[in-house]
C-alpha atoms as a PDB file:
ATOM      1  CA  UNK A   1      -0.747  23.924  11.898  1.00  0.00           C
ATOM      2  CA  UNK A   2       1.241  21.560  14.073  1.00  0.00           C
ATOM      3  CA  UNK A   3       4.860  20.643  13.336  1.00  0.00           C
ATOM      4  CA  UNK A   4       6.356  17.445  14.653  1.00  0.00           C
ATOM      5  CA  UNK A   5       9.933  16.191  14.525  1.00  0.00           C
ATOM      6  CA  UNK A   6       9.966  12.614  13.260  1.00  0.00           C
ATOM      7  CA  UNK A   7      12.538  10.009  12.431  1.00  0.00           C
ATOM      8  CA  UNK A   8      12.636   9.007   8.755  1.00  0.00           C
ATOM      9  CA  UNK A   9      10.321   6.124   7.956  1.00  0.00           C
ATOM     10  CA  UNK A  10      12.130   3.274   6.259  1.00  0.00           C
ATOM     11  CA  UNK A  11      10.768  -0.042   5.024  1.00  0.00           C
ATOM     12  CA  UNK A  12      11.837  -2.863   7.276  1.00  0.00           C
ATOM     13  CA  UNK A  13      14.767  -4.878   5.882  1.00  0.00           C
ATOM     14  CA  UNK A  14      12.846  -8.130   6.256  1.00  0.00           C
ATOM     15  CA  UNK A  15       9.900  -7.006   4.123  1.00  0.00           C
ATOM     16  CA  UNK A  16      11.078  -3.952   2.096  1.00  0.00           C
ATOM     17  CA  UNK A  17       7.530  -2.592   2.436  1.00  0.00           C
ATOM     18  CA  UNK A  18       6.087   0.219   4.552  1.00  0.00           C
ATOM     19  CA  UNK A  19       3.068  -0.615   6.714  1.00  0.00           C
ATOM     20  CA  UNK A  20      -0.138   0.408   4.907  1.00  0.00           C
ATOM     21  CA  UNK A  21      -0.907   2.974   7.641  1.00  0.00           C
ATOM     22  CA  UNK A  22       2.245   4.865   6.607  1.00  0.00           C
ATOM     23  CA  UNK A  23       0.666   5.876   3.272  1.00  0.00           C
ATOM     24  CA  UNK A  24      -1.461   8.854   2.321  1.00  0.00           C
ATOM     25  CA  UNK A  25      -3.446   9.470  -0.860  1.00  0.00           C
ATOM     26  CA  UNK A  26      -3.121  12.366  -3.252  1.00  0.00           C
ATOM     27  CA  UNK A  27      -5.305  12.660  -6.309  1.00  0.00           C
ATOM     28  CA  UNK A  28      -7.408  14.770  -8.624  1.00  0.00           C
ATOM     29  CA  UNK A  29     -10.670  12.740  -8.830  1.00  0.00           C
ATOM     30  CA  UNK A  30      -9.326  11.039 -11.980  1.00  0.00           C
ATOM     31  CA  UNK A  31      -6.443   9.107 -10.471  1.00  0.00           C
ATOM     32  CA  UNK A  32      -4.718   8.674  -7.136  1.00  0.00           C
ATOM     33  CA  UNK A  33      -1.209   8.019  -5.847  1.00  0.00           C
ATOM     34  CA  UNK A  34      -0.211   6.398  -2.569  1.00  0.00           C
ATOM     35  CA  UNK A  35       2.643   8.327  -0.979  1.00  0.00           C
ATOM     36  CA  UNK A  36       4.608   6.842   1.901  1.00  0.00           C
ATOM     37  CA  UNK A  37       5.787   8.830   4.899  1.00  0.00           C
ATOM     38  CA  UNK A  38       9.279   8.372   3.477  1.00  0.00           C
ATOM     39  CA  UNK A  39       8.308  10.469   0.416  1.00  0.00           C
ATOM     40  CA  UNK A  40       8.065   7.557  -2.013  1.00  0.00           C
ATOM     41  CA  UNK A  41       5.161   7.186  -4.452  1.00  0.00           C
ATOM     42  CA  UNK A  42       4.664   3.416  -4.327  1.00  0.00           C
ATOM     43  CA  UNK A  43       1.343   3.129  -6.189  1.00  0.00           C
ATOM     44  CA  UNK A  44      -0.055   5.212  -9.031  1.00  0.00           C
ATOM     45  CA  UNK A  45      -2.229   4.395 -12.039  1.00  0.00           C
ATOM     46  CA  UNK A  46      -2.235   6.876 -14.915  1.00  0.00           C
ATOM     47  CA  UNK A  47      -4.178   8.429 -16.537  1.00  0.00           C
ATOM     48  CA  UNK A  48      -7.242   6.855 -14.846  1.00  0.00           C
ATOM     49  CA  UNK A  49      -8.087   4.700 -11.812  1.00  0.00           C
ATOM     50  CA  UNK A  50      -8.523   1.612 -13.988  1.00  0.00           C
ATOM     51  CA  UNK A  51      -5.287   2.104 -15.984  1.00  0.00           C
ATOM     52  CA  UNK A  52      -2.214  -0.044 -15.517  1.00  0.00           C
ATOM     53  CA  UNK A  53       0.031   1.011 -12.644  1.00  0.00           C
ATOM     54  CA  UNK A  54       2.985   3.257 -13.391  1.00  0.00           C
ATOM     55  CA  UNK A  55       4.462   2.793  -9.922  1.00  0.00           C
ATOM     56  CA  UNK A  56       3.682  -0.529  -8.236  1.00  0.00           C
ATOM     57  CA  UNK A  57       6.241  -0.977  -5.453  1.00  0.00           C
ATOM     58  CA  UNK A  58       3.328  -1.428  -3.043  1.00  0.00           C
ATOM     59  CA  UNK A  59       2.879  -4.911  -4.545  1.00  0.00           C
ATOM     60  CA  UNK A  60       6.418  -5.753  -5.697  1.00  0.00           C
ATOM     61  CA  UNK A  61       9.344  -3.849  -4.176  1.00  0.00           C
ATOM     62  CA  UNK A  62      11.841  -5.066  -6.794  1.00  0.00           C
ATOM     63  CA  UNK A  63       9.879  -4.945 -10.070  1.00  0.00           C
ATOM     64  CA  UNK A  64       7.017  -2.594  -9.231  1.00  0.00           C
ATOM     65  CA  UNK A  65       8.858   0.711  -9.482  1.00  0.00           C
ATOM     66  CA  UNK A  66       8.545   3.824  -7.344  1.00  0.00           C
ATOM     67  CA  UNK A  67       9.251   7.530  -7.458  1.00  0.00           C
ATOM     68  CA  UNK A  68      10.918   9.144  -4.483  1.00  0.00           C
ATOM     69  CA  UNK A  69      11.664  12.749  -3.641  1.00  0.00           C
ATOM     70  CA  UNK A  70      13.860  12.413  -0.607  1.00  0.00           C
ATOM     71  CA  UNK A  71      15.249  15.112   1.694  1.00  0.00           C
ATOM     72  CA  UNK A  72      18.996  15.639   1.653  1.00  0.00           C
ATOM     73  CA  UNK A  73      19.043  15.480   5.460  1.00  0.00           C
ATOM     74  CA  UNK A  74      18.043  12.530   7.647  1.00  0.00           C
ATOM     75  CA  UNK A  75      16.264  15.001   9.984  1.00  0.00           C
ATOM     76  CA  UNK A  76      12.898  16.177   8.729  1.00  0.00           C
ATOM     77  CA  UNK A  77       9.687  17.576  10.093  1.00  0.00           C
ATOM     78  CA  UNK A  78       6.148  16.941   8.963  1.00  0.00           C
ATOM     79  CA  UNK A  79       2.912  18.816   9.305  1.00  0.00           C
ATOM     80  CA  UNK A  80      -0.715  18.056   8.557  1.00  0.00           C
ATOM     81  CA  UNK A  81      -3.462  20.543   7.897  1.00  0.00           C
ATOM     82  CA  UNK A  82      -6.894  20.455   6.413  1.00  0.00           C
ATOM     83  CA  UNK A  83      -8.542  22.816   3.948  1.00  0.00           C
ATOM     84  CA  UNK A  84     -12.205  22.403   3.060  1.00  0.00           C
ATOM     85  CA  UNK A  85     -12.246  19.103   4.946  1.00  0.00           C
ATOM     86  CA  UNK A  86      -9.531  17.645   2.665  1.00  0.00           C
ATOM     87  CA  UNK A  87      -6.118  16.574   3.969  1.00  0.00           C
ATOM     88  CA  UNK A  88      -3.045  18.371   2.677  1.00  0.00           C
ATOM     89  CA  UNK A  89       0.358  16.708   2.918  1.00  0.00           C
END
């Protein structure tokens, strides 16, 4: 496992959106959520893939809604590892 010190990822003030490459997917084969490097869930449809979105900030930063679990410190570290060929955040 590799640990890397990173600066917090923030949406740019001009756009209020993270670049798409700053998202990762988590899911259970029934639904999926897009989680930004800043810890925010910006897209999630529940209970199925074809359900209406619960969090849709990926499309509309003001009205779309998001869920964020943010660190209390501005300094954070991240790590990536893989188990059974599946990424773990």
